[in-house]
Every structure is written in structure tokens, then in C-alpha cells.
């Protein structure tokens, strides 16, 4: 039985809704933000590599690239190793967008905690950090312990 009732997921989903609402007002949707995020973390990536990473078709990748370039979030440069492809890089505007997303999320989480007494906020953040570190460690290891528990239960049921 899930004692958390998936409330961590539900809170994160509400933060994501606010972020998406705000980002859309700036003219960037979820799929475009994912695209920008990938390019920011892998400067010089090609559209073919993006298609593979994001599991999108050639047309969608080309349209997103063109749209994000027109909006000033990406730039293309010639690929010196392959004249048929271009390398994609994030612009300063893309970095500012990332900072904007972080700011929106930070504001939401600050608002969420503000009614708790200071001692409760500190204890919650301490416990949350413990859980985050455990999650991060398991993820970096490839989820061996969690995968074993899923296997013990057999097929994954909703």
C-alpha cells in the first residue's frame, strides 16, 4: 500500500501545470521545452540525434527546430564532419527560459510551504532531501532494488 498516496507526484503535477501555463504565455509549449532542454544539455546535437532521443519523427523535429530558431532559442551551425546535417546550440534566450522555469517552480514551492511553521518547513525539507538522495542513488545505479520489487510483484498492474 502506498502510504504517500502518490502526493509527491500530484504536487509535482500541479507545479508542472503552473509552469506550462506560464511558459505557454511566453510562447513555448511542453514539447518545445523538452527539445530546448535536450539541446542545452547536449550542445552540438543533430536533429537525427534529437529524433532518436525524443522519439519523434523527422518532420516534427524539423518543424520544432525551425520554430525554436525563429523564436530565438536555437541556432544552427554547419556540421564539419557531415555537410548534410547541422549542429544545434541553445542561445542565451534558451538559458533565460530555463531560469524562468526554475523561478516559476521556486515561487510555487515557496508559496506551498509558507503556511507551515519554520520548524516544520525545515523538517520537511530535511526528509525530502533524504528521499531525493535515495531516489537519485537508485536511479544512477539503474534502479536495481526497485526493479527487483517490481519483478517480485509480477506484471505491473494499474
Foldseek 3Di string as FASTA:
>chain_A
DDPVPCVVVVLVVVLVVQLQVVVVVVVDHPVLLVLLVVCAVPFFDWLVNVCVVVVHDPVVSVVSVVVCVVVPQKDWAADPVDRVITTIHGDVVSVVSVVVSVVSSVVSVCVVCVVPPPVVVVVVVVVVVVVVVVVVVCVVVVNPVVVVVCVVVPDDDD
